[in-house]
Amino acid sequence: MKLYVMSLGAGLLVGIVYSLLNVRSPAPPLVALVGLLGILLGEQVIPVGKQLLRGTAFDTACAQTKATEHVLGQLPGRKEQPPGGGKESA
């Protein structure tokens, strides 16, 4: 969650600087965000599609290709698992 708050803070700071300099954002925010979402989703079409053609269920295909993690990033409250699934060897 800290990363999201820092990102929002950085965006607000840049917005304030733009306002003080009396300039507009270089791209319309909604159009830019929709375009970025399209890029992220488009990157996953081929890997997930290949899994679906092999007969894999959609949710399993997304998990195997790590599509959800790529598109959404690490969500707040989810800790990244260490190699080995978090089990320590004795």
C-alpha atoms as a PDB file:
ATOM      1  CA  MET A   1       0.000   0.000   0.000  1.00  0.00           C
ATOM      2  CA  LYS A   2       2.936   2.301   0.747  1.00  0.00           C
ATOM      3  CA  LEU A   3       4.015   2.129  -2.903  1.00  0.00           C
ATOM      4  CA  TYR A   4       0.573   3.257  -4.069  1.00  0.00           C
ATOM      5  CA  VAL A   5       0.512   6.162  -1.619  1.00  0.00           C
ATOM      6  CA  MET A   6       4.007   7.225  -2.712  1.00  0.00           C
ATOM      7  CA  SER A   7       2.963   7.006  -6.364  1.00  0.00           C
ATOM      8  CA  LEU A   8      -0.132   9.094  -5.704  1.00  0.00           C
ATOM      9  CA  GLY A   9       1.976  11.624  -3.786  1.00  0.00           C
ATOM     10  CA  ALA A  10       4.487  11.885  -6.629  1.00  0.00           C
ATOM     11  CA  GLY A  11       1.644  12.396  -9.097  1.00  0.00           C
ATOM     12  CA  LEU A  12       0.124  15.113  -6.929  1.00  0.00           C
ATOM     13  CA  LEU A  13       3.490  16.839  -6.623  1.00  0.00           C
ATOM     14  CA  VAL A  14       3.964  16.815 -10.400  1.00  0.00           C
ATOM     15  CA  GLY A  15       0.403  18.124 -10.822  1.00  0.00           C
ATOM     16  CA  ILE A  16       1.126  20.990  -8.430  1.00  0.00           C
ATOM     17  CA  VAL A  17       4.319  21.853 -10.301  1.00  0.00           C
ATOM     18  CA  TYR A  18       2.401  21.794 -13.615  1.00  0.00           C
ATOM     19  CA  SER A  19      -0.218  24.088 -12.093  1.00  0.00           C
ATOM     20  CA  LEU A  20       2.395  26.514 -10.787  1.00  0.00           C
ATOM     21  CA  LEU A  21       4.062  26.603 -14.201  1.00  0.00           C
ATOM     22  CA  ASN A  22       0.628  27.012 -15.822  1.00  0.00           C
ATOM     23  CA  VAL A  23       1.097  24.055 -18.200  1.00  0.00           C
ATOM     24  CA  ARG A  24      -1.212  21.176 -19.052  1.00  0.00           C
ATOM     25  CA  SER A  25      -0.467  17.483 -18.721  1.00  0.00           C
ATOM     26  CA  PRO A  26       1.230  16.185 -21.895  1.00  0.00           C
ATOM     27  CA  ALA A  27      -1.530  13.594 -22.467  1.00  0.00           C
ATOM     28  CA  PRO A  28      -5.204  13.499 -21.570  1.00  0.00           C
ATOM     29  CA  PRO A  29      -5.165  11.435 -18.351  1.00  0.00           C
ATOM     30  CA  LEU A  30      -8.087   9.138 -19.150  1.00  0.00           C
ATOM     31  CA  VAL A  31      -6.894   8.438 -22.687  1.00  0.00           C
ATOM     32  CA  ALA A  32      -3.376   7.744 -21.433  1.00  0.00           C
ATOM     33  CA  LEU A  33      -4.576   5.371 -18.706  1.00  0.00           C
ATOM     34  CA  VAL A  34      -6.852   3.466 -21.082  1.00  0.00           C
ATOM     35  CA  GLY A  35      -3.946   3.152 -23.510  1.00  0.00           C
ATOM     36  CA  LEU A  36      -1.658   1.805 -20.796  1.00  0.00           C
ATOM     37  CA  LEU A  37      -4.312  -0.703 -19.742  1.00  0.00           C
ATOM     38  CA  GLY A  38      -4.618  -1.821 -23.355  1.00  0.00           C
ATOM     39  CA  ILE A  39      -0.862  -2.349 -23.561  1.00  0.00           C
ATOM     40  CA  LEU A  40      -0.812  -4.399 -20.358  1.00  0.00           C
ATOM     41  CA  LEU A  41      -3.750  -6.547 -21.441  1.00  0.00           C
ATOM     42  CA  GLY A  42      -2.408  -6.913 -24.976  1.00  0.00           C
ATOM     43  CA  GLU A  43       0.884  -8.294 -23.688  1.00  0.00           C
ATOM     44  CA  GLN A  44      -1.040 -11.143 -22.074  1.00  0.00           C
ATOM     45  CA  VAL A  45      -3.264 -12.123 -25.007  1.00  0.00           C
ATOM     46  CA  ILE A  46      -0.765 -14.469 -26.696  1.00  0.00           C
ATOM     47  CA  PRO A  47       0.553 -16.305 -23.584  1.00  0.00           C
ATOM     48  CA  VAL A  48      -2.930 -16.773 -22.094  1.00  0.00           C
ATOM     49  CA  GLY A  49      -4.376 -17.641 -25.529  1.00  0.00           C
ATOM     50  CA  LYS A  50      -1.765 -20.384 -26.001  1.00  0.00           C
ATOM     51  CA  GLN A  51      -2.746 -21.890 -22.652  1.00  0.00           C
ATOM     52  CA  LEU A  52      -6.446 -21.706 -23.546  1.00  0.00           C
ATOM     53  CA  LEU A  53      -5.806 -23.490 -26.871  1.00  0.00           C
ATOM     54  CA  ARG A  54      -4.146 -26.304 -24.889  1.00  0.00           C
ATOM     55  CA  GLY A  55      -7.408 -26.746 -23.007  1.00  0.00           C
ATOM     56  CA  THR A  56      -6.404 -24.979 -19.804  1.00  0.00           C
ATOM     57  CA  ALA A  57      -9.132 -23.186 -17.851  1.00  0.00           C
ATOM     58  CA  PHE A  58      -8.979 -19.380 -18.037  1.00  0.00           C
ATOM     59  CA  ASP A  59      -8.096 -18.826 -14.354  1.00  0.00           C
ATOM     60  CA  THR A  60      -5.423 -21.532 -14.512  1.00  0.00           C
ATOM     61  CA  ALA A  61      -4.021 -20.047 -17.734  1.00  0.00           C
ATOM     62  CA  CYS A  62      -3.784 -16.628 -16.068  1.00  0.00           C
ATOM     63  CA  ALA A  63      -2.046 -18.157 -13.053  1.00  0.00           C
ATOM     64  CA  GLN A  64       0.435 -20.169 -15.142  1.00  0.00           C
ATOM     65  CA  THR A  65       1.433 -17.176 -17.255  1.00  0.00           C
ATOM     66  CA  LYS A  66       1.369 -14.827 -14.224  1.00  0.00           C
ATOM     67  CA  ALA A  67      -0.866 -12.520 -16.272  1.00  0.00           C
ATOM     68  CA  THR A  68      -2.726 -11.147 -13.248  1.00  0.00           C
ATOM     69  CA  GLU A  69       0.481 -10.210 -11.456  1.00  0.00           C
ATOM     70  CA  HIS A  70       1.795  -8.530 -14.604  1.00  0.00           C
ATOM     71  CA  VAL A  71      -1.319  -6.475 -15.231  1.00  0.00           C
ATOM     72  CA  LEU A  72      -2.173  -5.556 -11.640  1.00  0.00           C
ATOM     73  CA  GLY A  73       1.256  -5.625 -10.010  1.00  0.00           C
ATOM     74  CA  GLN A  74       1.577  -6.734  -6.424  1.00  0.00           C
ATOM     75  CA  LEU A  75      -1.707  -5.886  -4.768  1.00  0.00           C
ATOM     76  CA  PRO A  76      -1.800  -4.276  -1.313  1.00  0.00           C
ATOM     77  CA  GLY A  77      -1.754  -6.822   1.486  1.00  0.00           C
ATOM     78  CA  ARG A  78      -0.153  -9.563  -0.606  1.00  0.00           C
ATOM     79  CA  LYS A  79       3.372 -10.516   0.320  1.00  0.00           C
ATOM     80  CA  GLU A  80       5.636 -11.891  -2.385  1.00  0.00           C
ATOM     81  CA  GLN A  81       6.357 -15.585  -1.824  1.00  0.00           C
ATOM     82  CA  PRO A  82      10.017 -16.547  -1.498  1.00  0.00           C
ATOM     83  CA  PRO A  83      11.303 -19.294  -3.818  1.00  0.00           C
ATOM     84  CA  GLY A  84      10.035 -22.691  -2.684  1.00  0.00           C
ATOM     85  CA  GLY A  85       6.570 -21.490  -1.663  1.00  0.00           C
ATOM     86  CA  GLY A  86       7.684 -20.054   1.667  1.00  0.00           C
ATOM     87  CA  LYS A  87       8.729 -23.407   3.143  1.00  0.00           C
ATOM     88  CA  GLU A  88      12.094 -23.377   4.791  1.00  0.00           C
ATOM     89  CA  SER A  89      14.362 -26.399   4.405  1.00  0.00           C
ATOM     90  CA  ALA A  90      15.659 -28.016   7.554  1.00  0.00           C
END
